[in-house]
N, C-alpha and C. Protein backbone atom coordinates (compact mmCIF):
# COMPACT_ATOMS: atom_id res chain seq x y z
N MET A 1 -27.60 -13.53 -16.86
CA MET A 1 -27.18 -13.76 -18.28
C MET A 1 -26.64 -15.22 -18.36
N GLU A 2 -27.09 -15.73 -19.24
CA GLU A 2 -26.72 -17.05 -19.75
C GLU A 2 -25.34 -16.95 -20.89
N MET A 3 -24.13 -17.63 -20.34
CA MET A 3 -23.04 -17.20 -21.72
C MET A 3 -22.85 -18.61 -22.21
N LYS A 4 -22.29 -18.35 -23.42
CA LYS A 4 -22.27 -20.00 -23.94
C LYS A 4 -20.77 -19.56 -24.85
N TRP A 5 -20.37 -20.64 -25.17
CA TRP A 5 -18.94 -21.06 -26.02
C TRP A 5 -19.78 -20.57 -27.42
N GLU A 6 -18.95 -19.95 -28.35
CA GLU A 6 -19.37 -20.04 -29.60
C GLU A 6 -19.23 -20.55 -30.30
N TRP A 7 -17.99 -21.72 -30.47
CA TRP A 7 -17.83 -22.85 -31.12
C TRP A 7 -18.85 -24.20 -30.79
N THR A 8 -19.16 -24.31 -29.79
CA THR A 8 -19.95 -25.58 -29.25
C THR A 8 -21.44 -24.98 -28.81
N GLY A 9 -21.35 -23.74 -28.72
CA GLY A 9 -22.74 -23.79 -27.97
C GLY A 9 -22.98 -24.07 -26.51
N GLU A 10 -21.92 -24.91 -26.04
CA GLU A 10 -22.16 -25.21 -24.72
C GLU A 10 -22.20 -23.96 -23.62
N PRO A 11 -22.93 -24.20 -22.47
CA PRO A 11 -22.77 -22.80 -21.55
C PRO A 11 -21.48 -22.59 -21.06
N ALA A 12 -20.94 -21.10 -21.08
CA ALA A 12 -19.89 -21.20 -20.58
C ALA A 12 -20.00 -20.58 -19.19
N ILE A 13 -19.81 -21.09 -18.19
CA ILE A 13 -20.01 -20.80 -16.80
C ILE A 13 -18.32 -19.67 -16.48
N LEU A 14 -18.68 -18.79 -15.71
CA LEU A 14 -18.00 -17.79 -15.34
C LEU A 14 -16.79 -18.34 -14.30
N GLU A 15 -17.12 -19.55 -13.87
CA GLU A 15 -15.72 -20.00 -13.20
C GLU A 15 -14.78 -20.88 -14.17
N ASP A 16 -15.40 -21.41 -15.29
CA ASP A 16 -14.59 -22.07 -16.17
C ASP A 16 -13.68 -21.00 -17.07
N ILE A 17 -14.67 -19.76 -17.57
CA ILE A 17 -13.60 -18.76 -18.07
C ILE A 17 -12.76 -18.33 -17.15
N LYS A 18 -12.91 -18.05 -16.12
CA LYS A 18 -11.41 -17.77 -15.02
C LYS A 18 -10.48 -18.95 -15.18
N ASN A 19 -11.18 -19.91 -15.31
CA ASN A 19 -9.71 -20.99 -15.04
C ASN A 19 -8.76 -21.09 -16.25
N CYS A 20 -9.50 -20.01 -17.61
CA CYS A 20 -8.66 -20.15 -18.36
C CYS A 20 -7.20 -19.40 -18.81
N VAL A 21 -7.10 -18.42 -17.25
CA VAL A 21 -5.98 -17.63 -17.12
C VAL A 21 -5.73 -17.78 -15.59
N GLY A 22 -4.23 -17.21 -15.29
CA GLY A 22 -4.21 -16.99 -13.84
C GLY A 22 -5.48 -16.55 -12.61
N GLU A 23 -5.04 -16.92 -11.76
CA GLU A 23 -6.42 -16.37 -10.41
C GLU A 23 -6.07 -15.13 -10.22
N GLY A 24 -4.67 -14.69 -10.56
CA GLY A 24 -4.53 -12.96 -10.35
C GLY A 24 -5.62 -12.33 -11.46
N TRP A 25 -6.18 -12.84 -12.26
CA TRP A 25 -6.94 -11.99 -13.17
C TRP A 25 -8.44 -12.18 -13.18
N ASN A 26 -8.59 -12.78 -11.97
CA ASN A 26 -10.14 -13.09 -11.91
C ASN A 26 -11.15 -11.87 -11.49
N GLY A 27 -10.62 -11.07 -10.88
CA GLY A 27 -11.42 -9.84 -10.46
C GLY A 27 -11.27 -8.92 -11.80
N ILE A 28 -10.46 -9.16 -12.84
CA ILE A 28 -10.53 -8.25 -13.82
C ILE A 28 -11.56 -8.85 -14.86
N ILE A 29 -11.86 -10.23 -14.88
CA ILE A 29 -12.76 -10.95 -15.69
C ILE A 29 -14.26 -10.65 -15.11
N GLU A 30 -14.38 -10.70 -13.75
CA GLU A 30 -15.70 -10.81 -12.91
C GLU A 30 -16.06 -9.23 -13.47
N ARG A 31 -15.41 -8.21 -13.19
CA ARG A 31 -16.00 -6.79 -13.78
C ARG A 31 -16.07 -6.76 -14.95
N LEU A 32 -15.16 -7.38 -15.93
CA LEU A 32 -15.53 -7.08 -17.66
C LEU A 32 -16.66 -7.79 -17.86
N VAL A 33 -17.32 -8.87 -16.91
CA VAL A 33 -18.48 -9.54 -17.92
C VAL A 33 -19.51 -8.76 -16.98
N ALA A 34 -19.56 -8.20 -15.71
CA ALA A 34 -20.74 -7.37 -15.38
C ALA A 34 -20.74 -6.59 -16.26
N ASP A 35 -19.89 -5.51 -16.58
CA ASP A 35 -19.86 -4.23 -17.27
C ASP A 35 -20.38 -4.83 -18.78
N LEU A 36 -20.05 -5.99 -19.18
CA LEU A 36 -20.42 -6.37 -20.57
C LEU A 36 -21.83 -6.84 -20.81
N GLU A 37 -22.44 -7.38 -19.63
CA GLU A 37 -23.97 -7.46 -19.44
C GLU A 37 -24.75 -6.22 -19.52
N LYS A 38 -24.23 -5.01 -18.79
CA LYS A 38 -24.95 -4.19 -18.81
C LYS A 38 -24.84 -3.29 -20.02
N LEU A 39 -23.83 -3.66 -21.04
CA LEU A 39 -23.84 -2.97 -22.06
C LEU A 39 -24.70 -3.50 -22.97
N GLY A 40 -25.11 -4.80 -22.77
CA GLY A 40 -26.12 -5.36 -23.84
C GLY A 40 -25.43 -6.61 -24.65
N TRP A 41 -24.04 -7.09 -24.33
CA TRP A 41 -23.55 -8.14 -24.66
C TRP A 41 -24.35 -9.15 -24.85
N ASP A 42 -24.39 -10.39 -25.89
CA ASP A 42 -25.22 -11.28 -25.80
C ASP A 42 -24.41 -12.45 -24.87
N GLY A 43 -23.21 -12.34 -24.52
CA GLY A 43 -23.30 -13.93 -23.55
C GLY A 43 -22.10 -14.78 -24.14
N THR A 44 -21.99 -14.52 -25.71
CA THR A 44 -21.33 -15.61 -26.12
C THR A 44 -19.73 -15.39 -26.42
N VAL A 45 -19.01 -16.10 -25.72
CA VAL A 45 -17.41 -16.16 -25.75
C VAL A 45 -16.54 -17.17 -26.75
N ALA A 46 -16.02 -16.38 -27.37
CA ALA A 46 -15.13 -17.44 -28.35
C ALA A 46 -13.80 -17.76 -27.97
N GLN A 47 -13.47 -17.05 -27.14
CA GLN A 47 -11.72 -17.83 -26.46
C GLN A 47 -11.37 -16.83 -25.10
N VAL A 48 -10.97 -17.25 -24.04
CA VAL A 48 -10.11 -16.36 -23.40
C VAL A 48 -8.89 -17.13 -22.97
N LYS A 49 -7.79 -15.77 -22.91
CA LYS A 49 -6.36 -16.61 -22.78
C LYS A 49 -5.46 -15.74 -22.78
N GLU A 50 -4.23 -16.39 -22.15
CA GLU A 50 -3.28 -15.11 -21.77
C GLU A 50 -2.47 -15.24 -23.09
N LYS A 51 -2.27 -14.13 -23.75
CA LYS A 51 -0.99 -13.90 -24.55
C LYS A 51 -0.18 -12.55 -24.47
N PHE A 52 1.16 -13.20 -25.17
CA PHE A 52 1.96 -12.00 -24.66
C PHE A 52 2.10 -11.29 -23.52
N GLY A 53 1.69 -12.25 -22.71
CA GLY A 53 1.42 -11.54 -21.04
C GLY A 53 0.68 -10.84 -20.86
N GLY A 54 -0.40 -10.85 -21.62
CA GLY A 54 -1.76 -9.98 -20.94
C GLY A 54 -2.96 -11.04 -21.27
N LEU A 55 -4.26 -10.60 -20.69
CA LEU A 55 -5.48 -11.13 -20.86
C LEU A 55 -5.83 -10.83 -22.31
N ARG A 56 -6.45 -11.88 -23.09
CA ARG A 56 -7.28 -11.96 -24.34
C ARG A 56 -8.46 -12.22 -24.00
N PHE A 57 -9.61 -11.51 -24.50
CA PHE A 57 -11.06 -12.09 -24.16
C PHE A 57 -11.76 -11.77 -25.71
N TYR A 58 -11.84 -12.65 -26.27
CA TYR A 58 -12.72 -12.56 -27.52
C TYR A 58 -14.10 -13.21 -27.50
N ILE A 59 -14.53 -12.39 -28.35
CA ILE A 59 -16.04 -12.44 -28.37
C ILE A 59 -16.49 -12.79 -29.72
N GLY A 60 -17.80 -12.86 -30.15
CA GLY A 60 -18.05 -13.33 -31.26
C GLY A 60 -19.11 -12.12 -32.19
N GLY A 61 -19.17 -10.83 -31.17
CA GLY A 61 -19.44 -9.59 -31.72
C GLY A 61 -20.03 -8.64 -30.51
N GLY A 62 -19.85 -7.10 -30.85
CA GLY A 62 -20.39 -6.29 -29.93
C GLY A 62 -20.20 -4.93 -30.49
N THR A 63 -20.95 -4.29 -29.62
CA THR A 63 -20.93 -2.85 -30.23
C THR A 63 -19.50 -2.07 -30.07
N HIS A 64 -19.19 -0.80 -30.29
CA HIS A 64 -18.16 -0.25 -29.97
C HIS A 64 -17.68 -0.15 -28.48
N GLU A 65 -18.55 0.15 -27.58
CA GLU A 65 -18.62 0.12 -26.39
C GLU A 65 -18.26 -1.14 -25.41
N VAL A 66 -18.45 -2.49 -26.17
CA VAL A 66 -18.53 -3.44 -25.66
C VAL A 66 -16.97 -4.00 -26.08
N TRP A 67 -16.37 -3.28 -27.33
CA TRP A 67 -15.13 -3.45 -27.32
C TRP A 67 -14.40 -2.87 -26.69
N GLU A 68 -14.42 -1.47 -26.51
CA GLU A 68 -13.76 -0.62 -25.62
C GLU A 68 -13.44 -1.23 -24.30
N ARG A 69 -15.01 -1.66 -23.80
CA ARG A 69 -14.33 -2.14 -22.40
C ARG A 69 -13.60 -3.36 -22.67
N ILE A 70 -13.77 -4.27 -23.68
CA ILE A 70 -12.81 -5.47 -23.92
C ILE A 70 -11.50 -4.72 -23.29
N SER A 71 -10.90 -3.86 -24.45
CA SER A 71 -9.75 -3.33 -24.57
C SER A 71 -8.79 -3.03 -23.18
N GLU A 72 -9.94 -2.00 -22.36
CA GLU A 72 -9.73 -1.58 -21.24
C GLU A 72 -9.30 -2.66 -19.98
N ALA A 73 -10.03 -3.59 -20.13
CA ALA A 73 -9.65 -5.06 -19.35
C ALA A 73 -8.53 -5.76 -19.68
N GLU A 74 -8.06 -5.79 -20.97
CA GLU A 74 -7.09 -6.39 -21.39
C GLU A 74 -5.57 -5.43 -21.14
N LYS A 75 -5.63 -4.23 -21.23
CA LYS A 75 -4.57 -3.31 -20.59
C LYS A 75 -4.60 -3.44 -19.53
N GLU A 76 -5.42 -3.64 -18.33
CA GLU A 76 -5.49 -3.50 -17.07
C GLU A 76 -4.65 -4.59 -16.64
N SER A 77 -5.05 -5.94 -17.22
CA SER A 77 -4.28 -7.25 -17.42
C SER A 77 -2.51 -7.04 -17.06
N MET A 78 -2.17 -6.27 -18.16
CA MET A 78 -0.79 -5.99 -18.35
C MET A 78 0.01 -5.18 -17.34
N ASN A 79 -1.04 -5.08 -16.40
CA ASN A 79 -0.13 -4.07 -15.20
C ASN A 79 -0.64 -4.87 -14.08
N THR A 80 -1.31 -6.27 -14.08
CA THR A 80 -1.69 -6.99 -12.89
C THR A 80 -1.06 -8.44 -13.05
N CYS A 81 -0.41 -8.97 -11.79
CA CYS A 81 -0.03 -10.28 -11.88
C CYS A 81 -0.75 -11.16 -12.21
N GLN A 82 -0.72 -12.24 -12.88
CA GLN A 82 -1.40 -13.42 -13.37
C GLN A 82 -1.85 -14.37 -12.18
N ASN A 83 -0.62 -14.21 -11.58
CA ASN A 83 -0.88 -15.24 -10.48
C ASN A 83 -1.92 -14.57 -9.16
N CYS A 84 -1.32 -13.30 -8.53
CA CYS A 84 -1.96 -12.84 -7.44
C CYS A 84 -2.79 -11.86 -7.59
N GLY A 85 -2.80 -10.95 -8.68
CA GLY A 85 -3.56 -9.65 -8.90
C GLY A 85 -2.68 -8.60 -8.27
N LYS A 86 -1.67 -8.64 -7.81
CA LYS A 86 -0.92 -7.57 -6.86
C LYS A 86 -0.64 -6.89 -8.67
N PRO A 87 0.03 -5.47 -8.26
CA PRO A 87 0.53 -5.01 -9.24
C PRO A 87 1.94 -5.45 -9.76
N GLY A 88 1.60 -5.53 -11.35
CA GLY A 88 2.96 -6.48 -12.18
C GLY A 88 3.47 -5.94 -13.27
N LYS A 89 4.37 -6.54 -14.01
CA LYS A 89 4.93 -6.00 -15.23
C LYS A 89 5.35 -7.17 -16.02
N ILE A 90 5.00 -7.03 -17.11
CA ILE A 90 5.28 -7.97 -18.24
C ILE A 90 6.78 -8.21 -18.26
N ASP A 91 7.42 -9.27 -18.39
CA ASP A 91 8.98 -9.55 -18.53
C ASP A 91 8.75 -11.04 -19.44
N LYS A 92 10.14 -11.25 -19.75
CA LYS A 92 10.29 -12.40 -20.76
C LYS A 92 10.70 -13.60 -19.82
N TRP A 93 10.14 -14.66 -19.84
CA TRP A 93 10.51 -15.72 -19.15
C TRP A 93 11.35 -17.06 -20.23
N GLY A 94 12.45 -17.25 -19.85
CA GLY A 94 13.04 -18.41 -20.82
C GLY A 94 13.23 -17.78 -22.05
N LYS A 95 13.18 -18.72 -23.33
CA LYS A 95 13.24 -17.88 -24.85
C LYS A 95 12.17 -17.26 -25.21
N TRP A 96 10.60 -17.82 -25.00
CA TRP A 96 9.51 -17.29 -25.84
C TRP A 96 8.45 -16.92 -24.87
N TRP A 97 8.51 -17.15 -23.41
CA TRP A 97 7.21 -16.81 -23.07
C TRP A 97 7.36 -15.21 -22.13
N LEU A 98 6.55 -14.52 -22.80
CA LEU A 98 6.12 -13.17 -21.61
C LEU A 98 4.71 -13.56 -20.46
N LEU A 99 5.10 -12.95 -19.10
CA LEU A 99 4.41 -13.26 -18.28
C LEU A 99 4.15 -12.11 -17.76
N CYS A 100 2.85 -11.63 -16.94
CA CYS A 100 2.94 -10.62 -16.11
C CYS A 100 2.94 -10.92 -14.65
N LEU A 101 3.95 -10.50 -14.02
CA LEU A 101 4.07 -11.22 -12.42
C LEU A 101 4.40 -10.15 -11.76
N CYS A 102 4.08 -10.11 -10.28
CA CYS A 102 4.23 -9.12 -9.98
C CYS A 102 5.94 -9.75 -9.21
N PRO A 103 6.63 -8.51 -8.37
CA PRO A 103 8.42 -9.35 -7.89
C PRO A 103 8.02 -10.19 -7.10
N GLU A 104 7.08 -10.42 -6.02
CA GLU A 104 7.14 -11.63 -5.40
C GLU A 104 6.84 -13.14 -6.34
N CYS A 105 5.97 -12.88 -7.22
CA CYS A 105 5.65 -14.08 -7.67
C CYS A 105 6.92 -14.36 -9.30
N GLY A 106 7.53 -13.33 -9.34
CA GLY A 106 8.49 -13.69 -10.31
C GLY A 106 9.62 -14.19 -9.71
N GLU A 107 10.06 -13.44 -8.37
CA GLU A 107 10.96 -14.67 -7.41
C GLU A 107 10.64 -15.63 -7.44
N ASN A 108 9.28 -16.12 -6.88
CA ASN A 108 9.10 -17.52 -6.72
C ASN A 108 9.04 -18.14 -7.90
N ARG A 109 8.87 -17.54 -9.08
CA ARG A 109 9.01 -18.50 -10.13
C ARG A 109 10.26 -18.89 -10.73
N ARG A 110 11.26 -17.90 -10.46
CA ARG A 110 12.74 -18.15 -10.85
C ARG A 110 13.12 -19.02 -9.88
N ASN A 111 12.92 -19.29 -8.50
CA ASN A 111 13.55 -19.97 -7.68
C ASN A 111 12.88 -21.37 -7.92
N SER A 112 11.37 -21.49 -8.37
CA SER A 112 10.84 -23.01 -8.71
C SER A 112 11.82 -23.54 -10.21
N LYS A 113 12.39 -22.62 -10.82
CA LYS A 113 13.19 -23.20 -11.71
C LYS A 113 14.46 -23.65 -11.56
N LEU A 114 15.11 -23.49 -10.44
CA LEU A 114 16.68 -23.86 -10.26
C LEU A 114 16.51 -25.25 -9.94
């Protein structure tokens, strides 16, 4: 399937989509895209990002099953470290940021801020 960005019509390459968020969510995105293809998704991607510590995968339209699968992937991301893919939890970082990190990546982030 050829994916495309909704706003520009340019090809949306899986590697580019995965680069929109942390490496730890690559597996979630790969499984999601494969499942969406099986569900008849047209390949249009509006936006992929991290928001409030979780993955957001926006598309132009789709069936109920497509939206359910996206919701499952977004929920999975909220328990998966966005840096490394290990089990993680959402926590507040600084004044405004919510990130989903495992204990090790959280500790590394705290130490890098010192």
